[in-house]
Amino acid sequence: MTTVPAALAARLSREHDSGTLLVSGSLPELRDAGVAWQVQRAGERQRLAAGAVLTGWKVGYASEALRHEMGISTPNYGPLYADMVRCSGAPVGPGLAQPRVEPEVALVMAAEVDPRQLAKLSEAEGHRALSEAVAEVRCALEVVDSVWAWYSFTWEENTADGSSAARVVLGDPIPASADLATLGITIREVDAHGNATTYTGSSGAAMGHPLSSLRWLAGALAEEGRSLRAGDIVLTGGLTPTLPLAAGATVSAQFDSPGWAGHVEVSR
C-alpha cells in the first residue's frame, strides 16, 4: 500500500517532470511540518531507487532577514543529486519550469562530520574543526525550480519540495586566505535582449558564516540519524535575492576578497 507521504512525493515528482505548477494550499496534507519532512524523505528514496546518486545537501532559509520577513523560525534543507551538478559556464539543461538563481558558498567535504563532538565546541572551536573537515570551498550558484507557482509557498510546502533544489553550478575555488564571512558578492543576470539586472550581497548573509550554516546542517541531519560524508557538496545558503533564468539568459556572480576575485556563471 502506498503511504500518504510516498504518494505526495510521487505527485510532486510528476508535476516537476511535466512542468506543471501547483498553487500553494492545494495539497492540504502539507500544512503539517512532520508530513513535509516525510514527503521529502519519501521523494529522496524514490529518486535513489530510480538510480539517482546523493551527492550532498543545500541549506534553505539560511538568511535570518529572509526568515523574519516570511515569518519562519528555522531553516530547512534538501538533498542534492549528482545529475544536478554543473561546471561554471555550462548550460543549465532542460526540464526546468521557472528557474531562479542565487549565489552561494559551496563546501566540499573531506571527511565525515561527527555532530556529537561539534555540540561540545564553542563557535570558534567548531569553525576550526569544520574547516579541517572541508576539502574545498567554491564560488557557486544554486538554481532553484519550485513546483509551487510564482514561488508562493509555505515553509512546509518548500520543505516537501526538497527546498526547491534543481541545479548546483560550481565555479572558482575560494582560497584559504579569504575571510568566508566577509566576501563581497555581485550577481548579474543578462537576458536574451541584453538587459541586465544586478544585486549585491555578502557571504555573511547565510547565518553569519558558511561554517555556521554547515554546523546547523550537521546537527539537523544528526536528528534524523544521518551525517555529512566525505565528498558531499554543501550549499550553505543564498546570499542575495534570486534572479530569473529565462531562455537565452546568463546569470553570473563575482566573489571578492582583498587581493582575490572568483567567478561562476550559468546560462539557459
C-alpha atoms as a PDB file:
ATOM      1  CA  MET A   1       0.000   0.000   0.000  1.00  0.00           C
ATOM      2  CA  THR A   2       1.316   3.456  -0.904  1.00  0.00           C
ATOM      3  CA  THR A   3       1.616   5.762   2.091  1.00  0.00           C
ATOM      4  CA  VAL A   4       0.406   9.362   2.006  1.00  0.00           C
ATOM      5  CA  PRO A   5       3.977  10.788   2.048  1.00  0.00           C
ATOM      6  CA  ALA A   6       5.059   8.463  -0.779  1.00  0.00           C
ATOM      7  CA  ALA A   7       2.002   9.368  -2.832  1.00  0.00           C
ATOM      8  CA  LEU A   8       2.589  13.088  -2.297  1.00  0.00           C
ATOM      9  CA  ALA A   9       6.276  12.741  -3.181  1.00  0.00           C
ATOM     10  CA  ALA A  10       5.366  10.932  -6.393  1.00  0.00           C
ATOM     11  CA  ARG A  11       2.846  13.678  -7.176  1.00  0.00           C
ATOM     12  CA  LEU A  12       5.465  16.416  -6.753  1.00  0.00           C
ATOM     13  CA  SER A  13       7.892  14.474  -8.943  1.00  0.00           C
ATOM     14  CA  ARG A  14       5.289  14.051 -11.703  1.00  0.00           C
ATOM     15  CA  GLU A  15       4.482  17.758 -11.648  1.00  0.00           C
ATOM     16  CA  HIS A  16       8.179  18.629 -11.923  1.00  0.00           C
ATOM     17  CA  ASP A  17       8.601  16.216 -14.828  1.00  0.00           C
ATOM     18  CA  SER A  18       5.607  17.638 -16.691  1.00  0.00           C
ATOM     19  CA  GLY A  19       6.351  21.297 -15.878  1.00  0.00           C
ATOM     20  CA  THR A  20       3.010  21.647 -14.095  1.00  0.00           C
ATOM     21  CA  LEU A  21       2.935  24.214 -11.294  1.00  0.00           C
ATOM     22  CA  LEU A  22       0.842  23.792  -8.162  1.00  0.00           C
ATOM     23  CA  VAL A  23      -0.964  26.514  -6.228  1.00  0.00           C
ATOM     24  CA  SER A  24       0.014  26.908  -2.584  1.00  0.00           C
ATOM     25  CA  GLY A  25      -2.578  25.283  -0.340  1.00  0.00           C
ATOM     26  CA  SER A  26      -3.717  22.789  -2.973  1.00  0.00           C
ATOM     27  CA  LEU A  27      -2.242  19.855  -1.007  1.00  0.00           C
ATOM     28  CA  PRO A  28      -3.700  20.336   2.487  1.00  0.00           C
ATOM     29  CA  GLU A  29      -1.640  17.473   3.938  1.00  0.00           C
ATOM     30  CA  LEU A  30       1.393  19.752   3.660  1.00  0.00           C
ATOM     31  CA  ARG A  31       0.164  22.055   6.389  1.00  0.00           C
ATOM     32  CA  ASP A  32       1.993  19.755   8.816  1.00  0.00           C
ATOM     33  CA  ALA A  33       5.781  20.067   9.209  1.00  0.00           C
ATOM     34  CA  GLY A  34       6.188  16.401  10.110  1.00  0.00           C
ATOM     35  CA  VAL A  35       4.389  15.330   6.962  1.00  0.00           C
ATOM     36  CA  ALA A  36       6.506  17.737   4.899  1.00  0.00           C
ATOM     37  CA  TRP A  37       9.717  16.093   6.091  1.00  0.00           C
ATOM     38  CA  GLN A  38       8.247  12.643   5.454  1.00  0.00           C
ATOM     39  CA  VAL A  39       7.378  13.678   1.901  1.00  0.00           C
ATOM     40  CA  GLN A  40      10.919  14.956   1.300  1.00  0.00           C
ATOM     41  CA  ARG A  41      12.421  11.716   2.593  1.00  0.00           C
ATOM     42  CA  ALA A  42       9.987   9.648   0.520  1.00  0.00           C
ATOM     43  CA  GLY A  43      10.969  11.652  -2.554  1.00  0.00           C
ATOM     44  CA  GLU A  44      14.639  11.009  -1.811  1.00  0.00           C
ATOM     45  CA  ARG A  45      14.021   7.254  -1.526  1.00  0.00           C
ATOM     46  CA  GLN A  46      12.154   7.302  -4.837  1.00  0.00           C
ATOM     47  CA  ARG A  47      14.970   9.191  -6.569  1.00  0.00           C
ATOM     48  CA  LEU A  48      17.606   6.812  -5.214  1.00  0.00           C
ATOM     49  CA  ALA A  49      15.556   3.768  -6.207  1.00  0.00           C
ATOM     50  CA  ALA A  50      15.399   5.184  -9.746  1.00  0.00           C
ATOM     51  CA  GLY A  51      19.204   5.373  -9.901  1.00  0.00           C
ATOM     52  CA  ALA A  52      19.982   8.883  -8.664  1.00  0.00           C
ATOM     53  CA  VAL A  53      23.154   9.391  -6.615  1.00  0.00           C
ATOM     54  CA  LEU A  54      23.003  11.521  -3.476  1.00  0.00           C
ATOM     55  CA  THR A  55      25.884  13.994  -3.614  1.00  0.00           C
ATOM     56  CA  GLY A  56      25.198  16.445  -0.787  1.00  0.00           C
ATOM     57  CA  TRP A  57      22.780  18.940   0.729  1.00  0.00           C
ATOM     58  CA  LYS A  58      21.549  22.501   0.462  1.00  0.00           C
ATOM     59  CA  VAL A  59      20.531  24.770   3.321  1.00  0.00           C
ATOM     60  CA  GLY A  60      17.407  26.820   2.725  1.00  0.00           C
ATOM     61  CA  TYR A  61      16.228  29.938   4.574  1.00  0.00           C
ATOM     62  CA  ALA A  62      19.786  30.466   5.868  1.00  0.00           C
ATOM     63  CA  SER A  63      19.234  34.239   5.956  1.00  0.00           C
ATOM     64  CA  GLU A  64      17.799  35.491   9.251  1.00  0.00           C
ATOM     65  CA  ALA A  65      16.398  38.546   7.456  1.00  0.00           C
ATOM     66  CA  LEU A  66      14.532  36.316   4.987  1.00  0.00           C
ATOM     67  CA  ARG A  67      13.158  34.110   7.781  1.00  0.00           C
ATOM     68  CA  HIS A  68      11.941  37.184   9.661  1.00  0.00           C
ATOM     69  CA  GLU A  69      10.331  38.589   6.516  1.00  0.00           C
ATOM     70  CA  MET A  70       8.483  35.313   5.866  1.00  0.00           C
ATOM     71  CA  GLY A  71       7.559  34.634   9.492  1.00  0.00           C
ATOM     72  CA  ILE A  72       9.723  31.485   9.567  1.00  0.00           C
ATOM     73  CA  SER A  73      11.637  30.450  12.677  1.00  0.00           C
ATOM     74  CA  THR A  74      14.054  27.851  11.313  1.00  0.00           C
ATOM     75  CA  PRO A  75      15.987  26.984   8.135  1.00  0.00           C
ATOM     76  CA  ASN A  76      15.359  23.820   6.162  1.00  0.00           C
ATOM     77  CA  TYR A  77      17.473  21.626   3.936  1.00  0.00           C
ATOM     78  CA  GLY A  78      17.134  19.458   0.859  1.00  0.00           C
ATOM     79  CA  PRO A  79      19.120  16.731  -0.909  1.00  0.00           C
ATOM     80  CA  LEU A  80      21.416  17.313  -3.871  1.00  0.00           C
ATOM     81  CA  TYR A  81      21.959  14.660  -6.551  1.00  0.00           C
ATOM     82  CA  ALA A  82      24.872  14.085  -8.920  1.00  0.00           C
ATOM     83  CA  ASP A  83      22.775  14.881 -12.001  1.00  0.00           C
ATOM     84  CA  MET A  84      22.142  18.382 -10.616  1.00  0.00           C
ATOM     85  CA  VAL A  85      25.824  19.394 -10.684  1.00  0.00           C
ATOM     86  CA  ARG A  86      27.161  21.617 -13.464  1.00  0.00           C
ATOM     87  CA  CYS A  87      30.523  23.262 -14.134  1.00  0.00           C
ATOM     88  CA  SER A  88      30.629  27.041 -14.445  1.00  0.00           C
ATOM     89  CA  GLY A  89      29.688  28.226 -17.928  1.00  0.00           C
ATOM     90  CA  ALA A  90      27.679  25.136 -18.803  1.00  0.00           C
ATOM     91  CA  PRO A  91      24.013  25.430 -19.792  1.00  0.00           C
ATOM     92  CA  VAL A  92      21.550  24.623 -17.062  1.00  0.00           C
ATOM     93  CA  GLY A  93      19.894  21.914 -19.183  1.00  0.00           C
ATOM     94  CA  PRO A  94      16.257  21.091 -19.879  1.00  0.00           C
ATOM     95  CA  GLY A  95      13.436  20.153 -17.554  1.00  0.00           C
ATOM     96  CA  LEU A  96      13.040  23.350 -15.520  1.00  0.00           C
ATOM     97  CA  ALA A  97       9.741  25.230 -15.302  1.00  0.00           C
ATOM     98  CA  GLN A  98      10.576  28.511 -13.524  1.00  0.00           C
ATOM     99  CA  PRO A  99      14.286  28.505 -12.625  1.00  0.00           C
ATOM    100  CA  ARG A 100      15.807  31.215 -10.485  1.00  0.00           C
ATOM    101  CA  VAL A 101      19.428  31.631  -9.408  1.00  0.00           C
ATOM    102  CA  GLU A 102      21.210  32.732  -6.248  1.00  0.00           C
ATOM    103  CA  PRO A 103      24.914  32.893  -5.322  1.00  0.00           C
ATOM    104  CA  GLU A 104      26.192  30.682  -2.524  1.00  0.00           C
ATOM    105  CA  VAL A 105      29.401  29.448  -0.942  1.00  0.00           C
ATOM    106  CA  ALA A 106      29.769  25.713  -1.646  1.00  0.00           C
ATOM    107  CA  LEU A 107      31.764  23.457   0.664  1.00  0.00           C
ATOM    108  CA  VAL A 108      33.113  20.086  -0.473  1.00  0.00           C
ATOM    109  CA  MET A 109      33.631  17.765   2.484  1.00  0.00           C
ATOM    110  CA  ALA A 110      36.932  15.963   3.066  1.00  0.00           C
ATOM    111  CA  ALA A 111      35.731  13.877   5.985  1.00  0.00           C
ATOM    112  CA  GLU A 112      32.613  12.794   7.824  1.00  0.00           C
ATOM    113  CA  VAL A 113      31.415  15.233  10.486  1.00  0.00           C
ATOM    114  CA  ASP A 114      30.552  13.987  13.976  1.00  0.00           C
ATOM    115  CA  PRO A 115      27.822  16.324  15.282  1.00  0.00           C
ATOM    116  CA  ARG A 116      28.170  14.910  18.805  1.00  0.00           C
ATOM    117  CA  GLN A 117      31.693  16.298  19.001  1.00  0.00           C
ATOM    118  CA  LEU A 118      30.600  19.584  17.414  1.00  0.00           C
ATOM    119  CA  ALA A 119      27.958  20.048  20.095  1.00  0.00           C
ATOM    120  CA  LYS A 120      30.700  20.215  22.743  1.00  0.00           C
ATOM    121  CA  LEU A 121      32.616  23.003  20.994  1.00  0.00           C
ATOM    122  CA  SER A 122      32.331  26.775  21.076  1.00  0.00           C
ATOM    123  CA  GLU A 123      31.582  28.634  17.859  1.00  0.00           C
ATOM    124  CA  ALA A 124      35.263  29.356  17.197  1.00  0.00           C
ATOM    125  CA  GLU A 125      36.319  25.810  18.051  1.00  0.00           C
ATOM    126  CA  GLY A 126      33.528  24.437  15.883  1.00  0.00           C
ATOM    127  CA  HIS A 127      34.627  26.550  12.930  1.00  0.00           C
ATOM    128  CA  ARG A 128      38.191  25.272  13.281  1.00  0.00           C
ATOM    129  CA  ALA A 129      37.011  21.656  13.433  1.00  0.00           C
ATOM    130  CA  LEU A 130      34.725  22.102  10.445  1.00  0.00           C
ATOM    131  CA  SER A 131      37.462  23.835   8.451  1.00  0.00           C
ATOM    132  CA  GLU A 132      39.587  20.729   8.883  1.00  0.00           C
ATOM    133  CA  ALA A 133      36.706  18.602   7.557  1.00  0.00           C
ATOM    134  CA  VAL A 134      36.318  20.699   4.384  1.00  0.00           C
ATOM    135  CA  ALA A 135      38.391  19.770   1.327  1.00  0.00           C
ATOM    136  CA  GLU A 136      37.442  22.689  -0.891  1.00  0.00           C
ATOM    137  CA  VAL A 137      35.466  25.939  -0.883  1.00  0.00           C
ATOM    138  CA  ARG A 138      33.950  27.081  -4.171  1.00  0.00           C
ATOM    139  CA  CYS A 139      32.057  30.002  -5.659  1.00  0.00           C
ATOM    140  CA  ALA A 140      28.669  28.561  -6.557  1.00  0.00           C
ATOM    141  CA  LEU A 141      25.251  29.269  -7.976  1.00  0.00           C
ATOM    142  CA  GLU A 142      22.180  27.396  -6.908  1.00  0.00           C
ATOM    143  CA  VAL A 143      19.429  27.096  -9.496  1.00  0.00           C
ATOM    144  CA  VAL A 144      16.112  26.598  -7.752  1.00  0.00           C
ATOM    145  CA  ASP A 145      12.954  25.445  -9.520  1.00  0.00           C
ATOM    146  CA  SER A 146       9.935  25.346  -7.249  1.00  0.00           C
ATOM    147  CA  VAL A 147       6.913  23.236  -8.112  1.00  0.00           C
ATOM    148  CA  TRP A 148       4.811  25.976  -6.498  1.00  0.00           C
ATOM    149  CA  ALA A 149       3.542  28.667  -8.867  1.00  0.00           C
ATOM    150  CA  TRP A 150       5.075  32.154  -8.558  1.00  0.00           C
ATOM    151  CA  TYR A 151       7.342  30.857  -5.747  1.00  0.00           C
ATOM    152  CA  SER A 152       4.407  31.344  -3.409  1.00  0.00           C
ATOM    153  CA  PHE A 153       4.685  28.584  -0.821  1.00  0.00           C
ATOM    154  CA  THR A 154       4.781  27.843   2.895  1.00  0.00           C
ATOM    155  CA  TRP A 155       7.846  26.534   4.723  1.00  0.00           C
ATOM    156  CA  GLU A 156       6.192  23.100   4.780  1.00  0.00           C
ATOM    157  CA  GLU A 157       5.477  23.107   1.029  1.00  0.00           C
ATOM    158  CA  ASN A 158       9.024  24.202   0.265  1.00  0.00           C
ATOM    159  CA  THR A 159      10.458  21.526   2.557  1.00  0.00           C
ATOM    160  CA  ALA A 160       8.390  18.788   0.921  1.00  0.00           C
ATOM    161  CA  ASP A 161       9.692  20.001  -2.460  1.00  0.00           C
ATOM    162  CA  GLY A 162      13.307  19.452  -1.407  1.00  0.00           C
ATOM    163  CA  SER A 163      13.784  23.161  -0.658  1.00  0.00           C
ATOM    164  CA  SER A 164      13.369  23.824  -4.422  1.00  0.00           C
ATOM    165  CA  ALA A 165      16.845  22.447  -5.258  1.00  0.00           C
ATOM    166  CA  ALA A 166      17.347  21.899  -9.004  1.00  0.00           C
ATOM    167  CA  ARG A 167      20.957  22.571 -10.081  1.00  0.00           C
ATOM    168  CA  VAL A 168      24.354  23.209  -8.465  1.00  0.00           C
ATOM    169  CA  VAL A 169      26.863  25.232 -10.505  1.00  0.00           C
ATOM    170  CA  LEU A 170      30.435  25.104  -9.201  1.00  0.00           C
ATOM    171  CA  GLY A 171      32.840  27.892 -10.078  1.00  0.00           C
ATOM    172  CA  ASP A 172      36.275  29.075  -8.973  1.00  0.00           C
ATOM    173  CA  PRO A 173      37.896  27.774  -5.781  1.00  0.00           C
ATOM    174  CA  ILE A 174      37.961  30.248  -2.905  1.00  0.00           C
ATOM    175  CA  PRO A 175      41.453  30.474  -1.382  1.00  0.00           C
ATOM    176  CA  ALA A 176      42.150  29.701   2.253  1.00  0.00           C
ATOM    177  CA  SER A 177      43.325  33.298   2.724  1.00  0.00           C
ATOM    178  CA  ALA A 178      39.832  34.678   2.063  1.00  0.00           C
ATOM    179  CA  ASP A 179      37.582  35.553   5.005  1.00  0.00           C
ATOM    180  CA  LEU A 180      34.480  33.472   4.321  1.00  0.00           C
ATOM    181  CA  ALA A 181      32.336  35.758   6.499  1.00  0.00           C
ATOM    182  CA  THR A 182      33.040  38.931   4.534  1.00  0.00           C
ATOM    183  CA  LEU A 183      33.213  38.001   0.854  1.00  0.00           C
ATOM    184  CA  GLY A 184      31.598  40.621  -1.359  1.00  0.00           C
ATOM    185  CA  ILE A 185      29.058  39.162  -3.787  1.00  0.00           C
ATOM    186  CA  THR A 186      27.746  40.633  -7.049  1.00  0.00           C
ATOM    187  CA  ILE A 187      25.238  38.642  -9.110  1.00  0.00           C
ATOM    188  CA  ARG A 188      24.190  39.778 -12.581  1.00  0.00           C
ATOM    189  CA  GLU A 189      21.570  38.493 -14.991  1.00  0.00           C
ATOM    190  CA  VAL A 190      21.684  39.420 -18.677  1.00  0.00           C
ATOM    191  CA  ASP A 191      18.569  38.416 -20.561  1.00  0.00           C
ATOM    192  CA  ALA A 192      18.216  37.425 -24.223  1.00  0.00           C
ATOM    193  CA  HIS A 193      17.756  41.093 -25.187  1.00  0.00           C
ATOM    194  CA  GLY A 194      20.879  42.320 -23.390  1.00  0.00           C
ATOM    195  CA  ASN A 195      19.035  43.864 -20.441  1.00  0.00           C
ATOM    196  CA  ALA A 196      20.926  43.469 -17.153  1.00  0.00           C
ATOM    197  CA  THR A 197      19.860  43.215 -13.504  1.00  0.00           C
ATOM    198  CA  THR A 198      22.391  43.254 -10.666  1.00  0.00           C
ATOM    199  CA  TYR A 199      22.243  42.571  -6.925  1.00  0.00           C
ATOM    200  CA  THR A 200      24.993  42.766  -4.327  1.00  0.00           C
ATOM    201  CA  GLY A 201      25.421  40.992  -1.026  1.00  0.00           C
ATOM    202  CA  SER A 202      27.842  39.434   1.430  1.00  0.00           C
ATOM    203  CA  SER A 203      28.781  35.883   2.363  1.00  0.00           C
ATOM    204  CA  GLY A 204      27.802  36.731   5.929  1.00  0.00           C
ATOM    205  CA  ALA A 205      24.122  36.770   4.918  1.00  0.00           C
ATOM    206  CA  ALA A 206      23.880  32.994   5.479  1.00  0.00           C
ATOM    207  CA  MET A 207      23.954  32.560   9.280  1.00  0.00           C
ATOM    208  CA  GLY A 208      26.881  34.957   9.552  1.00  0.00           C
ATOM    209  CA  HIS A 209      29.412  32.463   8.181  1.00  0.00           C
ATOM    210  CA  PRO A 210      29.241  29.473   5.803  1.00  0.00           C
ATOM    211  CA  LEU A 211      30.680  27.246   8.541  1.00  0.00           C
ATOM    212  CA  SER A 212      27.815  28.243  10.870  1.00  0.00           C
ATOM    213  CA  SER A 213      25.419  27.057   8.179  1.00  0.00           C
ATOM    214  CA  LEU A 214      27.395  23.815   7.865  1.00  0.00           C
ATOM    215  CA  ARG A 215      27.239  23.305  11.624  1.00  0.00           C
ATOM    216  CA  TRP A 216      23.474  23.813  11.634  1.00  0.00           C
ATOM    217  CA  LEU A 217      23.085  21.287   8.817  1.00  0.00           C
ATOM    218  CA  ALA A 218      25.246  18.706  10.602  1.00  0.00           C
ATOM    219  CA  GLY A 219      23.016  18.993  13.666  1.00  0.00           C
ATOM    220  CA  ALA A 220      19.796  18.828  11.649  1.00  0.00           C
ATOM    221  CA  LEU A 221      20.942  15.704   9.807  1.00  0.00           C
ATOM    222  CA  ALA A 222      22.000  14.111  13.106  1.00  0.00           C
ATOM    223  CA  GLU A 223      18.420  14.417  14.355  1.00  0.00           C
ATOM    224  CA  GLU A 224      17.490  12.034  11.529  1.00  0.00           C
ATOM    225  CA  GLY A 225      20.383   9.680  12.255  1.00  0.00           C
ATOM    226  CA  ARG A 226      22.375  10.934   9.267  1.00  0.00           C
ATOM    227  CA  SER A 227      25.705  12.678   8.812  1.00  0.00           C
ATOM    228  CA  LEU A 228      27.754  14.628   6.319  1.00  0.00           C
ATOM    229  CA  ARG A 229      30.051  12.335   4.338  1.00  0.00           C
ATOM    230  CA  ALA A 230      33.403  12.827   2.664  1.00  0.00           C
ATOM    231  CA  GLY A 231      32.774  14.102  -0.864  1.00  0.00           C
ATOM    232  CA  ASP A 232      29.428  15.713  -0.047  1.00  0.00           C
ATOM    233  CA  ILE A 233      28.754  19.110  -1.608  1.00  0.00           C
ATOM    234  CA  VAL A 234      27.026  21.545   0.743  1.00  0.00           C
ATOM    235  CA  LEU A 235      25.348  24.735  -0.463  1.00  0.00           C
ATOM    236  CA  THR A 236      25.411  26.951   2.601  1.00  0.00           C
ATOM    237  CA  GLY A 237      22.608  29.375   1.736  1.00  0.00           C
ATOM    238  CA  GLY A 238      21.584  32.138  -0.634  1.00  0.00           C
ATOM    239  CA  LEU A 239      23.438  35.455  -0.334  1.00  0.00           C
ATOM    240  CA  THR A 240      21.300  37.823  -2.454  1.00  0.00           C
ATOM    241  CA  PRO A 241      17.759  37.900  -3.823  1.00  0.00           C
ATOM    242  CA  THR A 242      17.246  35.366  -6.606  1.00  0.00           C
ATOM    243  CA  LEU A 243      17.333  36.278 -10.291  1.00  0.00           C
ATOM    244  CA  PRO A 244      15.261  34.603 -13.024  1.00  0.00           C
ATOM    245  CA  LEU A 245      16.986  32.373 -15.581  1.00  0.00           C
ATOM    246  CA  ALA A 246      14.805  32.773 -18.667  1.00  0.00           C
ATOM    247  CA  ALA A 247      15.553  31.217 -22.057  1.00  0.00           C
ATOM    248  CA  GLY A 248      18.587  32.908 -23.605  1.00  0.00           C
ATOM    249  CA  ALA A 249      19.726  34.446 -20.306  1.00  0.00           C
ATOM    250  CA  THR A 250      23.029  34.182 -18.458  1.00  0.00           C
ATOM    251  CA  VAL A 251      23.493  34.666 -14.724  1.00  0.00           C
ATOM    252  CA  SER A 252      26.978  35.236 -13.317  1.00  0.00           C
ATOM    253  CA  ALA A 253      28.347  36.016  -9.884  1.00  0.00           C
ATOM    254  CA  GLN A 254      31.611  37.531  -8.715  1.00  0.00           C
ATOM    255  CA  PHE A 255      33.004  36.815  -5.253  1.00  0.00           C
ATOM    256  CA  ASP A 256      35.520  39.361  -3.920  1.00  0.00           C
ATOM    257  CA  SER A 257      38.077  39.378  -1.130  1.00  0.00           C
ATOM    258  CA  PRO A 258      41.164  41.616  -0.782  1.00  0.00           C
ATOM    259  CA  GLY A 259      43.635  40.520  -3.448  1.00  0.00           C
ATOM    260  CA  TRP A 260      41.336  37.916  -4.994  1.00  0.00           C
ATOM    261  CA  ALA A 261      38.192  37.605  -7.124  1.00  0.00           C
ATOM    262  CA  GLY A 262      36.289  34.487  -8.190  1.00  0.00           C
ATOM    263  CA  HIS A 263      33.613  33.843 -10.794  1.00  0.00           C
ATOM    264  CA  VAL A 264      30.801  31.436 -11.596  1.00  0.00           C
ATOM    265  CA  GLU A 265      28.093  31.532 -14.264  1.00  0.00           C
ATOM    266  CA  VAL A 266      25.269  29.566 -15.838  1.00  0.00           C
ATOM    267  CA  SER A 267      23.175  30.032 -18.958  1.00  0.00           C
ATOM    268  CA  ARG A 268      19.917  28.765 -20.351  1.00  0.00           C
END
